[in-house]
N, C-alpha and C. Protein backbone atom coordinates (compact mmCIF):
# COMPACT_ATOMS: atom_id res chain seq x y z
N UNK A 1 0.88 -1.09 0.08
CA UNK A 1 -0.07 -0.04 -0.03
C UNK A 1 0.89 1.38 -0.10
N UNK A 2 0.58 2.19 -0.75
CA UNK A 2 1.31 3.34 -1.15
C UNK A 2 1.20 4.19 0.27
N UNK A 3 2.37 5.19 0.54
CA UNK A 3 2.28 6.00 1.59
C UNK A 3 1.95 7.37 1.28
N UNK A 4 0.56 7.63 0.80
CA UNK A 4 0.04 8.65 0.13
C UNK A 4 0.54 10.09 0.90
N UNK A 5 0.82 10.08 2.24
CA UNK A 5 1.17 11.16 2.86
C UNK A 5 2.36 11.76 2.45
N UNK A 6 3.27 11.03 1.55
CA UNK A 6 4.48 11.42 1.12
C UNK A 6 4.34 11.92 -0.22
N UNK A 7 3.36 11.84 -0.80
CA UNK A 7 2.97 12.20 -2.27
C UNK A 7 2.82 13.71 -2.39
N UNK A 8 3.39 14.34 -3.48
CA UNK A 8 3.06 15.69 -3.72
C UNK A 8 1.61 15.89 -4.10
N UNK A 9 1.46 17.13 -3.95
CA UNK A 9 -0.25 17.49 -4.54
C UNK A 9 -0.44 17.13 -5.94
N UNK A 10 0.73 17.39 -6.86
CA UNK A 10 0.50 16.92 -8.22
C UNK A 10 0.50 15.59 -8.40
N UNK A 11 1.17 14.76 -7.63
CA UNK A 11 0.95 13.26 -7.52
C UNK A 11 -0.53 12.78 -7.20
N UNK A 12 -1.03 13.41 -6.32
CA UNK A 12 -2.25 13.04 -5.83
C UNK A 12 -3.39 13.31 -6.79
N UNK A 13 -3.04 14.50 -7.22
CA UNK A 13 -4.06 15.02 -8.33
C UNK A 13 -4.06 14.07 -9.57
N UNK A 14 -2.99 13.67 -10.17
CA UNK A 14 -2.96 12.62 -11.11
C UNK A 14 -3.53 11.24 -10.70
N UNK A 15 -3.24 10.75 -9.52
CA UNK A 15 -3.99 9.55 -9.10
C UNK A 15 -5.43 9.76 -8.97
N UNK A 16 -5.97 10.90 -8.28
CA UNK A 16 -7.36 11.11 -8.36
C UNK A 16 -8.04 11.14 -9.57
N UNK A 17 -7.55 11.72 -10.55
CA UNK A 17 -8.06 11.69 -11.86
C UNK A 17 -8.32 10.39 -12.43
N UNK A 18 -7.54 9.39 -12.02
CA UNK A 18 -7.76 8.02 -12.44
C UNK A 18 -8.65 7.35 -11.45
N UNK A 19 -9.24 7.86 -10.51
CA UNK A 19 -10.20 7.43 -9.69
C UNK A 19 -9.66 6.67 -8.27
N UNK A 20 -8.33 7.08 -8.05
CA UNK A 20 -7.77 6.52 -6.87
C UNK A 20 -8.39 7.01 -5.51
N UNK A 21 -9.13 6.39 -4.81
CA UNK A 21 -9.86 6.83 -3.54
C UNK A 21 -8.78 7.29 -2.40
N UNK A 22 -7.88 6.24 -2.24
CA UNK A 22 -6.76 6.51 -1.36
C UNK A 22 -6.19 8.01 -1.47
N UNK A 23 -6.04 8.29 -2.66
CA UNK A 23 -5.48 9.73 -3.07
C UNK A 23 -6.42 10.63 -2.68
N UNK A 24 -7.83 10.61 -2.93
CA UNK A 24 -8.71 11.40 -2.63
C UNK A 24 -8.66 11.68 -1.00
N UNK A 25 -8.76 10.44 -0.23
CA UNK A 25 -8.65 10.57 1.03
C UNK A 25 -7.58 11.42 1.77
N UNK A 26 -6.38 11.20 1.01
CA UNK A 26 -5.12 12.17 1.64
C UNK A 26 -5.50 13.54 1.15
N UNK A 27 -5.92 13.86 -0.08
CA UNK A 27 -6.21 15.23 -0.21
C UNK A 27 -7.27 15.80 0.87
N UNK A 28 -8.26 14.97 1.00
CA UNK A 28 -9.29 15.45 2.14
C UNK A 28 -8.65 15.79 3.41
N UNK A 29 -7.78 14.70 3.88
CA UNK A 29 -6.94 14.96 5.25
C UNK A 29 -6.05 16.20 5.22
N UNK A 30 -5.49 16.36 4.08
CA UNK A 30 -4.62 17.32 4.07
C UNK A 30 -5.16 18.72 3.84
N UNK A 31 -6.35 18.85 3.27
CA UNK A 31 -6.91 20.08 3.33
C UNK A 31 -8.23 20.49 3.93
N UNK A 32 -8.79 19.49 4.50
CA UNK A 32 -10.16 19.80 5.01
C UNK A 32 -10.15 20.68 6.22
N UNK A 33 -9.34 20.75 7.08
CA UNK A 33 -9.24 21.62 8.19
C UNK A 33 -8.76 23.15 7.75
N UNK A 34 -8.07 23.36 6.79
CA UNK A 34 -7.43 24.41 6.24
C UNK A 34 -8.50 25.17 5.29
N UNK A 35 -9.25 24.38 4.64
CA UNK A 35 -10.36 24.92 3.73
C UNK A 35 -11.53 25.24 4.83
N UNK A 36 -11.72 24.45 5.80
CA UNK A 36 -12.71 24.75 6.95
C UNK A 36 -12.46 26.15 7.41
N UNK A 37 -11.07 26.41 7.72
CA UNK A 37 -10.88 27.70 8.56
C UNK A 37 -10.93 28.93 7.75
N UNK A 38 -10.51 28.72 6.29
CA UNK A 38 -10.70 29.67 5.28
C UNK A 38 -12.23 29.99 5.13
N UNK A 39 -13.08 29.00 4.93
CA UNK A 39 -14.44 29.35 4.68
C UNK A 39 -15.22 30.04 5.96
N UNK A 40 -14.58 29.57 7.21
CA UNK A 40 -15.29 30.11 8.48
C UNK A 40 -14.89 31.50 8.55
N UNK A 41 -13.56 31.89 8.32
CA UNK A 41 -13.26 33.15 8.23
C UNK A 41 -13.86 34.20 7.49
N UNK A 42 -14.40 33.66 6.44
CA UNK A 42 -15.40 34.53 5.41
C UNK A 42 -16.82 34.52 5.78
N UNK A 43 -17.25 33.27 6.39
CA UNK A 43 -18.82 33.14 6.66
C UNK A 43 -19.11 33.58 8.18
N UNK A 44 -18.09 33.27 8.94
CA UNK A 44 -18.43 33.55 10.30
C UNK A 44 -19.50 32.51 10.92
N UNK A 45 -19.67 31.37 10.16
CA UNK A 45 -20.70 30.39 10.55
C UNK A 45 -20.13 29.07 10.36
N UNK A 46 -19.83 28.32 11.57
CA UNK A 46 -19.20 27.16 11.53
C UNK A 46 -20.01 25.96 10.73
N UNK A 47 -21.23 25.79 10.84
CA UNK A 47 -21.73 24.71 10.28
C UNK A 47 -22.02 25.15 8.66
N UNK A 48 -22.07 26.16 8.43
CA UNK A 48 -22.21 26.63 6.94
C UNK A 48 -20.77 26.55 6.39
N UNK A 49 -19.71 26.75 7.04
CA UNK A 49 -18.58 26.67 6.51
C UNK A 49 -18.17 25.16 6.53
N UNK A 50 -18.51 24.21 7.33
CA UNK A 50 -18.41 22.85 7.27
C UNK A 50 -19.12 22.23 6.28
N UNK A 51 -20.35 22.65 5.88
CA UNK A 51 -21.27 21.99 4.71
C UNK A 51 -20.64 22.64 3.41
N UNK A 52 -20.29 23.66 3.35
CA UNK A 52 -19.64 24.29 2.06
C UNK A 52 -18.22 23.42 1.78
N UNK A 53 -17.44 23.29 2.88
CA UNK A 53 -16.23 22.31 2.44
C UNK A 53 -16.48 20.96 2.05
N UNK A 54 -17.69 20.46 2.72
CA UNK A 54 -18.12 19.09 2.45
C UNK A 54 -18.34 19.02 0.98
N UNK A 55 -19.30 20.11 0.62
CA UNK A 55 -19.79 20.05 -0.85
C UNK A 55 -18.57 20.24 -1.94
N UNK A 56 -17.45 20.90 -1.48
CA UNK A 56 -16.32 20.91 -2.39
C UNK A 56 -15.75 19.66 -2.58
N UNK A 57 -15.57 18.82 -1.54
CA UNK A 57 -15.02 17.64 -1.54
C UNK A 57 -15.88 16.47 -2.21
N UNK A 58 -17.13 16.65 -2.01
CA UNK A 58 -18.15 15.88 -2.57
C UNK A 58 -18.01 16.04 -4.21
N UNK A 59 -17.84 17.43 -4.55
CA UNK A 59 -18.02 17.86 -5.97
C UNK A 59 -16.65 17.20 -6.78
N UNK A 60 -15.60 17.30 -5.92
CA UNK A 60 -14.28 17.04 -6.14
C UNK A 60 -14.42 15.42 -6.74
N UNK A 61 -14.66 14.57 -5.93
CA UNK A 61 -14.75 13.22 -5.88
C UNK A 61 -15.71 12.93 -7.24
N UNK A 62 -16.94 13.26 -7.18
CA UNK A 62 -17.98 13.15 -8.17
C UNK A 62 -17.29 13.47 -9.60
N UNK A 63 -16.71 14.47 -9.75
CA UNK A 63 -16.21 14.94 -11.16
C UNK A 63 -14.74 14.77 -11.33
N UNK A 64 -14.00 13.84 -10.48
CA UNK A 64 -12.64 13.63 -10.53
C UNK A 64 -12.04 13.37 -11.95
N UNK A 65 -13.02 12.70 -12.64
CA UNK A 65 -12.38 12.41 -14.17
C UNK A 65 -12.53 13.73 -15.06
N UNK A 66 -13.46 14.48 -14.81
CA UNK A 66 -13.69 15.54 -15.72
C UNK A 66 -13.06 16.71 -15.68
N UNK A 67 -12.54 17.06 -14.46
CA UNK A 67 -11.97 18.35 -14.25
C UNK A 67 -10.70 18.50 -14.79
N UNK A 68 -10.31 19.68 -14.86
CA UNK A 68 -8.84 19.87 -15.25
C UNK A 68 -8.19 21.12 -14.50
N UNK A 69 -7.40 20.79 -13.60
CA UNK A 69 -6.79 21.74 -12.79
C UNK A 69 -5.55 22.46 -13.46
N UNK A 70 -5.75 23.91 -13.54
CA UNK A 70 -4.67 24.69 -14.48
C UNK A 70 -3.68 25.55 -13.49
N UNK A 71 -4.05 25.24 -12.09
CA UNK A 71 -3.18 25.90 -11.16
C UNK A 71 -2.69 24.71 -10.08
N UNK A 72 -2.40 25.08 -9.03
CA UNK A 72 -1.89 24.10 -8.01
C UNK A 72 -3.28 23.44 -7.39
N UNK A 73 -2.93 22.33 -6.84
CA UNK A 73 -4.13 21.83 -6.15
C UNK A 73 -4.83 22.70 -5.11
N UNK A 74 -3.94 23.24 -4.24
CA UNK A 74 -4.23 24.07 -3.02
C UNK A 74 -4.87 25.36 -3.61
N UNK A 75 -4.46 26.08 -4.83
CA UNK A 75 -5.19 26.97 -5.31
C UNK A 75 -6.44 26.79 -5.80
N UNK A 76 -6.58 25.54 -6.45
CA UNK A 76 -7.69 25.12 -7.06
C UNK A 76 -8.85 25.07 -5.90
N UNK A 77 -8.51 24.35 -4.71
CA UNK A 77 -9.41 24.17 -3.81
C UNK A 77 -9.82 25.28 -2.99
N UNK A 78 -8.84 26.15 -2.76
CA UNK A 78 -9.14 27.61 -2.05
C UNK A 78 -10.01 28.38 -3.04
N UNK A 79 -9.75 28.29 -4.48
CA UNK A 79 -10.66 29.14 -5.30
C UNK A 79 -12.16 28.73 -5.27
N UNK A 80 -12.27 27.39 -5.36
CA UNK A 80 -13.64 26.64 -5.21
C UNK A 80 -14.26 27.03 -3.99
N UNK A 81 -13.52 27.04 -2.75
CA UNK A 81 -14.22 27.47 -1.69
C UNK A 81 -14.67 28.75 -1.84
N UNK A 82 -13.63 29.69 -2.31
CA UNK A 82 -13.99 31.09 -2.30
C UNK A 82 -15.33 31.48 -3.24
N UNK A 83 -15.42 30.68 -4.26
CA UNK A 83 -16.43 30.92 -5.26
C UNK A 83 -17.68 30.35 -4.58
N UNK A 84 -17.76 29.42 -3.83
CA UNK A 84 -18.89 28.85 -3.07
C UNK A 84 -19.32 29.97 -1.93
N UNK A 85 -18.33 30.65 -1.48
CA UNK A 85 -18.63 31.71 -0.40
C UNK A 85 -19.48 32.73 -1.09
N UNK A 86 -18.82 33.26 -2.30
CA UNK A 86 -19.52 34.40 -3.19
C UNK A 86 -21.01 33.80 -3.55
N UNK A 87 -21.01 32.58 -3.80
CA UNK A 87 -22.46 32.12 -4.17
C UNK A 87 -23.35 32.47 -2.99
N UNK A 88 -22.88 32.14 -1.70
CA UNK A 88 -23.81 32.26 -0.77
C UNK A 88 -23.90 33.81 -0.42
N UNK A 89 -22.94 34.53 -0.46
CA UNK A 89 -23.13 36.14 -0.36
C UNK A 89 -24.09 36.64 -1.25
N UNK A 90 -24.03 36.18 -2.40
CA UNK A 90 -24.78 36.61 -3.67
C UNK A 90 -26.24 36.25 -3.19
N UNK A 91 -26.35 34.97 -2.83
CA UNK A 91 -27.63 34.50 -2.56
C UNK A 91 -28.34 35.37 -1.28
N UNK A 92 -27.64 35.95 -0.36
CA UNK A 92 -27.92 36.78 0.64
C UNK A 92 -27.81 38.20 0.39
N UNK A 93 -27.49 38.50 -0.87
CA UNK A 93 -27.36 39.97 -1.24
C UNK A 93 -26.50 40.69 -0.55
N UNK A 94 -25.48 40.00 -0.10
CA UNK A 94 -24.23 40.63 0.56
C UNK A 94 -23.19 40.85 -0.49
N UNK A 95 -23.17 40.55 -1.54
CA UNK A 95 -21.83 40.44 -2.45
C UNK A 95 -21.58 41.82 -2.78
N UNK A 96 -22.43 42.78 -2.89
CA UNK A 96 -22.06 44.28 -3.21
C UNK A 96 -21.17 44.75 -2.36
N UNK A 97 -21.33 44.57 -1.09
CA UNK A 97 -20.27 44.97 0.22
C UNK A 97 -19.02 44.67 -0.19
N UNK A 98 -18.58 43.36 -0.64
CA UNK A 98 -17.41 43.10 -0.71
C UNK A 98 -16.83 43.47 -2.22
N UNK A 99 -17.66 43.49 -3.26
CA UNK A 99 -17.20 43.92 -4.51
C UNK A 99 -16.93 45.32 -4.35
N UNK A 100 -17.56 46.12 -3.76
CA UNK A 100 -17.21 47.54 -3.61
C UNK A 100 -15.99 47.77 -2.93
N UNK A 101 -15.80 47.27 -1.81
CA UNK A 101 -14.45 47.32 -1.13
C UNK A 101 -13.35 46.60 -1.67
N UNK A 102 -13.45 45.65 -2.76
CA UNK A 102 -12.34 44.97 -3.37
C UNK A 102 -11.75 43.98 -2.61
N UNK A 103 -12.33 43.55 -1.46
CA UNK A 103 -11.99 42.74 -0.36
C UNK A 103 -11.95 41.22 -0.93
N UNK A 104 -12.78 40.91 -2.08
CA UNK A 104 -12.77 39.76 -2.51
C UNK A 104 -11.63 39.05 -3.52
N UNK A 105 -10.80 40.08 -3.88
CA UNK A 105 -9.93 39.93 -4.90
C UNK A 105 -8.65 38.93 -4.31
N UNK A 106 -8.37 38.10 -4.96
CA UNK A 106 -6.99 37.25 -4.41
C UNK A 106 -6.54 36.47 -5.81
N UNK A 107 -5.29 36.57 -6.05
CA UNK A 107 -4.75 35.94 -7.00
C UNK A 107 -4.43 34.53 -6.72
N UNK A 108 -5.29 33.62 -6.93
CA UNK A 108 -5.04 32.15 -6.51
C UNK A 108 -4.11 31.68 -7.47
N UNK A 109 -3.87 32.01 -8.64
CA UNK A 109 -3.03 31.17 -9.58
C UNK A 109 -1.46 31.61 -9.14
N UNK A 110 -1.25 32.37 -8.35
CA UNK A 110 0.01 32.62 -7.90
C UNK A 110 0.51 31.74 -6.85
N UNK A 111 1.62 30.80 -7.21
CA UNK A 111 1.84 29.79 -6.21
C UNK A 111 2.47 30.48 -4.71
N UNK A 112 3.05 31.77 -4.79
CA UNK A 112 3.34 32.50 -3.57
C UNK A 112 2.03 32.65 -2.68
N UNK A 113 1.04 33.07 -3.34
CA UNK A 113 -0.07 33.33 -2.70
C UNK A 113 -0.85 32.13 -2.22
N UNK A 114 -0.58 31.01 -2.84
CA UNK A 114 -1.18 29.64 -2.28
C UNK A 114 -0.34 29.41 -0.93
N UNK A 115 0.96 29.49 -0.91
CA UNK A 115 1.78 29.36 0.19
C UNK A 115 1.49 30.32 1.42
N UNK A 116 1.19 31.54 0.86
CA UNK A 116 0.69 32.54 2.01
C UNK A 116 -0.48 32.23 2.76
N UNK A 117 -1.37 31.91 2.02
CA UNK A 117 -2.74 31.58 2.44
C UNK A 117 -2.66 30.33 3.27
N UNK A 118 -2.02 29.32 2.89
CA UNK A 118 -1.87 28.00 3.66
C UNK A 118 -1.20 28.24 4.95
N UNK A 119 -0.04 29.10 4.87
CA UNK A 119 0.86 29.35 6.00
C UNK A 119 0.00 30.20 7.08
N UNK A 120 -0.78 31.10 6.65
CA UNK A 120 -1.59 32.06 7.57
C UNK A 120 -2.73 31.07 8.31
N UNK A 121 -3.11 30.11 7.53
CA UNK A 121 -4.41 29.32 8.06
C UNK A 121 -3.76 28.21 8.98
N UNK A 122 -2.45 27.65 8.67
CA UNK A 122 -1.85 26.75 9.42
C UNK A 122 -1.56 27.43 10.77
N UNK A 123 -1.07 28.59 10.66
CA UNK A 123 -0.57 29.37 12.16
C UNK A 123 -1.92 29.53 12.95
N UNK A 124 -3.05 29.97 12.44
CA UNK A 124 -4.33 30.07 13.05
C UNK A 124 -4.66 28.81 13.72
N UNK A 125 -4.64 27.60 12.91
CA UNK A 125 -4.89 26.26 13.46
C UNK A 125 -4.07 25.93 14.63
N UNK A 126 -2.73 26.21 14.40
CA UNK A 126 -1.79 25.70 15.40
C UNK A 126 -2.10 26.65 16.86
N UNK A 127 -2.31 27.92 16.69
CA UNK A 127 -2.60 28.69 17.81
C UNK A 127 -4.00 28.23 18.39
N UNK A 128 -4.80 28.02 17.65
CA UNK A 128 -6.21 27.37 18.23
C UNK A 128 -5.76 26.13 19.23
N UNK A 129 -4.90 25.33 18.68
CA UNK A 129 -4.57 24.02 19.26
C UNK A 129 -3.74 24.15 20.41
N UNK A 130 -2.72 25.14 20.49
CA UNK A 130 -1.93 25.46 21.63
C UNK A 130 -2.84 26.16 22.80
N UNK A 131 -3.86 26.99 22.46
CA UNK A 131 -4.65 27.42 23.44
C UNK A 131 -5.42 26.25 24.10
N UNK A 132 -5.57 25.02 23.55
CA UNK A 132 -6.53 24.03 24.32
C UNK A 132 -5.51 23.31 25.16
N UNK A 133 -4.10 23.48 25.17
CA UNK A 133 -3.22 22.84 26.21
C UNK A 133 -3.41 23.10 27.56
N UNK A 134 -3.13 22.28 28.50
CA UNK A 134 -3.11 22.50 29.85
C UNK A 134 -2.11 23.96 30.22
N UNK A 135 -2.39 24.72 31.06
CA UNK A 135 -1.65 26.02 31.29
C UNK A 135 -0.22 25.80 31.14
N UNK A 136 0.38 24.98 32.06
CA UNK A 136 1.83 24.87 32.15
C UNK A 136 2.49 24.31 31.02
N UNK A 137 1.73 23.29 30.34
CA UNK A 137 2.26 22.82 28.95
C UNK A 137 2.43 24.09 27.98
N UNK A 138 1.45 24.73 28.03
CA UNK A 138 1.16 25.88 26.95
C UNK A 138 2.40 26.99 27.34
N UNK A 139 2.43 27.22 28.63
CA UNK A 139 3.54 28.12 28.89
C UNK A 139 4.96 27.92 28.36
N UNK A 140 5.21 26.61 28.81
CA UNK A 140 6.59 25.96 28.32
C UNK A 140 6.57 25.98 26.73
N UNK A 141 5.65 25.54 26.39
CA UNK A 141 5.59 25.56 24.63
C UNK A 141 5.81 26.80 23.96
N UNK A 142 5.12 27.92 24.52
CA UNK A 142 5.23 29.17 23.96
C UNK A 142 6.65 30.04 24.30
N UNK A 143 7.18 29.49 25.48
CA UNK A 143 8.37 30.01 25.74
C UNK A 143 9.46 29.63 24.71
N UNK A 144 9.45 28.14 24.47
CA UNK A 144 10.26 27.42 23.52
C UNK A 144 10.02 28.13 21.94
N UNK A 145 8.73 27.93 21.73
CA UNK A 145 8.49 28.20 20.31
C UNK A 145 8.14 29.65 19.77
N UNK A 146 7.74 30.43 20.69
CA UNK A 146 7.41 31.79 20.52
C UNK A 146 8.51 32.66 21.08
N UNK A 147 9.08 32.62 22.11
CA UNK A 147 9.99 33.24 22.72
C UNK A 147 11.56 32.76 22.38
N UNK A 148 11.43 31.47 21.96
CA UNK A 148 12.88 31.01 21.57
C UNK A 148 13.86 30.82 22.81
N UNK A 149 13.20 30.48 23.85
CA UNK A 149 14.19 30.11 25.06
C UNK A 149 14.73 28.68 24.83
N UNK A 150 15.79 28.55 25.44
CA UNK A 150 16.46 27.15 25.55
C UNK A 150 15.63 26.41 26.66
N UNK A 151 15.90 25.04 26.55
CA UNK A 151 15.16 24.16 27.65
C UNK A 151 15.88 24.66 29.01
N UNK A 152 17.17 24.81 29.01
CA UNK A 152 17.78 25.31 30.32
C UNK A 152 17.27 26.63 30.81
N UNK A 153 16.93 27.61 29.85
CA UNK A 153 16.55 28.94 30.28
C UNK A 153 15.01 28.64 30.79
N UNK A 154 14.20 27.92 30.28
CA UNK A 154 12.89 27.69 30.47
C UNK A 154 12.75 27.14 31.94
N UNK A 155 13.60 26.15 32.16
CA UNK A 155 13.87 25.32 33.47
C UNK A 155 14.16 26.53 34.66
N UNK A 156 15.16 27.24 34.38
CA UNK A 156 15.47 28.19 35.29
C UNK A 156 14.41 29.33 35.57
N UNK A 157 13.71 29.82 34.55
CA UNK A 157 12.60 30.76 34.72
C UNK A 157 11.51 30.21 35.55
N UNK A 158 11.28 29.10 35.18
CA UNK A 158 10.01 28.28 35.86
C UNK A 158 10.51 27.63 37.07
N UNK A 159 11.69 27.47 37.20
CA UNK A 159 12.24 26.81 38.43
C UNK A 159 11.75 25.30 38.57
N UNK A 160 11.86 24.54 37.44
CA UNK A 160 11.62 23.09 37.48
C UNK A 160 12.77 22.50 36.67
N UNK A 161 12.90 21.29 36.65
CA UNK A 161 14.03 20.68 35.90
C UNK A 161 13.99 20.65 34.46
N UNK A 162 15.07 20.58 33.93
CA UNK A 162 15.24 20.45 32.44
C UNK A 162 14.45 19.18 32.01
N UNK A 163 14.40 18.15 32.57
CA UNK A 163 13.76 17.12 32.31
C UNK A 163 12.32 17.24 32.33
N UNK A 164 11.73 17.95 33.10
CA UNK A 164 10.39 18.27 33.16
C UNK A 164 10.00 19.02 31.97
N UNK A 165 10.86 19.95 31.58
CA UNK A 165 10.64 20.86 30.50
C UNK A 165 10.68 20.00 29.20
N UNK A 166 11.61 19.16 29.08
CA UNK A 166 11.56 18.24 27.89
C UNK A 166 10.57 17.53 27.94
N UNK A 167 10.02 16.95 28.92
CA UNK A 167 8.85 16.10 28.77
C UNK A 167 7.61 16.63 28.48
N UNK A 168 7.43 18.08 29.04
CA UNK A 168 6.16 18.83 28.56
C UNK A 168 6.16 19.31 27.14
N UNK A 169 7.51 19.45 26.61
CA UNK A 169 7.56 20.10 25.11
C UNK A 169 7.36 18.86 24.36
N UNK A 170 7.79 17.44 24.68
CA UNK A 170 7.32 16.37 23.84
C UNK A 170 5.82 16.06 24.08
N UNK A 171 5.32 16.03 25.04
CA UNK A 171 3.77 15.94 25.29
C UNK A 171 3.17 17.04 24.36
N UNK A 172 3.45 18.22 24.25
CA UNK A 172 2.97 19.56 23.55
C UNK A 172 3.02 18.99 22.07
N UNK A 173 4.18 18.50 21.61
CA UNK A 173 4.28 18.37 20.19
C UNK A 173 3.50 17.04 19.84
N UNK A 174 3.32 16.01 20.82
CA UNK A 174 2.51 14.93 20.61
C UNK A 174 1.09 15.35 20.37
N UNK A 175 0.46 16.36 21.23
CA UNK A 175 -0.79 16.91 21.25
C UNK A 175 -1.10 17.53 19.95
N UNK A 176 -0.29 18.26 19.65
CA UNK A 176 -0.36 18.94 18.20
C UNK A 176 -0.52 17.86 17.06
N UNK A 177 0.27 17.09 17.05
CA UNK A 177 0.34 15.84 16.06
C UNK A 177 -0.95 15.11 15.89
N UNK A 178 -1.58 15.07 17.14
CA UNK A 178 -2.62 14.33 17.04
C UNK A 178 -3.90 15.00 16.74
N UNK A 179 -3.84 16.42 17.21
CA UNK A 179 -5.03 17.34 16.88
C UNK A 179 -4.83 17.91 15.55
N UNK A 180 -3.78 17.97 15.00
CA UNK A 180 -3.64 18.71 13.69
C UNK A 180 -3.62 17.76 12.65
N UNK A 181 -3.27 16.54 12.81
CA UNK A 181 -3.04 15.46 11.84
C UNK A 181 -1.50 15.56 11.36
N UNK A 182 -0.89 14.52 10.75
CA UNK A 182 0.50 14.66 10.45
C UNK A 182 1.04 15.63 9.45
N UNK A 183 0.27 16.02 8.32
CA UNK A 183 0.53 16.97 7.28
C UNK A 183 0.69 18.25 7.89
N UNK A 184 -0.31 18.95 8.57
CA UNK A 184 -0.33 20.26 9.17
C UNK A 184 0.92 20.02 10.09
N UNK A 185 0.97 19.30 10.92
CA UNK A 185 1.97 19.04 12.03
C UNK A 185 3.45 19.52 11.34
N UNK A 186 3.67 18.60 10.25
CA UNK A 186 4.96 18.62 9.55
C UNK A 186 5.16 19.97 9.07
N UNK A 187 4.08 20.55 8.50
CA UNK A 187 4.23 21.86 7.96
C UNK A 187 4.66 22.97 8.98
N UNK A 188 4.05 22.71 10.24
CA UNK A 188 4.31 23.59 11.48
C UNK A 188 5.84 23.46 12.00
N UNK A 189 6.14 22.08 12.01
CA UNK A 189 7.48 21.86 12.20
C UNK A 189 8.51 22.49 11.37
N UNK A 190 8.42 22.43 10.07
CA UNK A 190 9.33 22.85 9.06
C UNK A 190 9.22 24.44 9.15
N UNK A 191 8.07 25.08 9.33
CA UNK A 191 7.88 26.49 9.60
C UNK A 191 8.93 27.08 10.85
N UNK A 192 8.91 26.16 11.86
CA UNK A 192 9.60 26.63 13.07
C UNK A 192 11.01 26.43 12.92
N UNK A 193 11.38 25.38 12.01
CA UNK A 193 12.88 25.41 11.75
C UNK A 193 13.30 26.44 10.90
N UNK A 194 12.44 27.08 9.94
CA UNK A 194 12.95 27.91 9.05
C UNK A 194 13.09 29.33 9.85
N UNK A 195 11.97 29.50 10.92
CA UNK A 195 12.28 30.69 11.56
C UNK A 195 13.30 30.80 12.43
C-alpha cells in the first residue's frame, strides 16, 4: 500500500483523476481543516463553513475524471471554496459590500499566494490548538517556540528541572500531532525550523 502522505499535490491530483480513492482521502486529510478555517473566516458560521467544504470535496470526487486543474491543487481548492462563499453572499445579497471594497480579490493562480494563504491558516490552526493545552504545558511550549528560550532557560525561569521541560515539550508536540494531523503538524515543524 502506498504511503500517500509522502506524495506531492501533483501526484495526488494525477492519481485522483484516475479514480484512486486513497489519493482522494489524502487530499481530504491534507486540506479539510485548512479549507474549513478559510471558509469560516469568510462566513463566520461554523456549520455553513463545514457544509460548504464538504460540498467542495463531494464535487471533487464526483467529477474527478472531468475536471482539469490549471493551477496548484491548493489554489484550485481555495478558489473553489471562495467561489462557493460568493455564491452564498450573492444569495444573501451581501456580495455588493465585498465587490465595492475590493476585499474579495485574490490571485489564486500565484504559487506564492497559495503558500501565504496556507501558512496563515496553519498558524491560526496551530494557535487554536496551543490554546487548548493545559496551562503549564502551553507556557513551556510558548517560551520555547514563540520566545525561543532554551530548555535550560525555561527550567531556570520556571524553577523546574530540564527533564520536566523536555517532557512537557514532547507532550505538547504529541498533542499537536494528534490534533492537527500529520501533514499540518509537519508543516508547522518545518516553518518553526525555518524561522
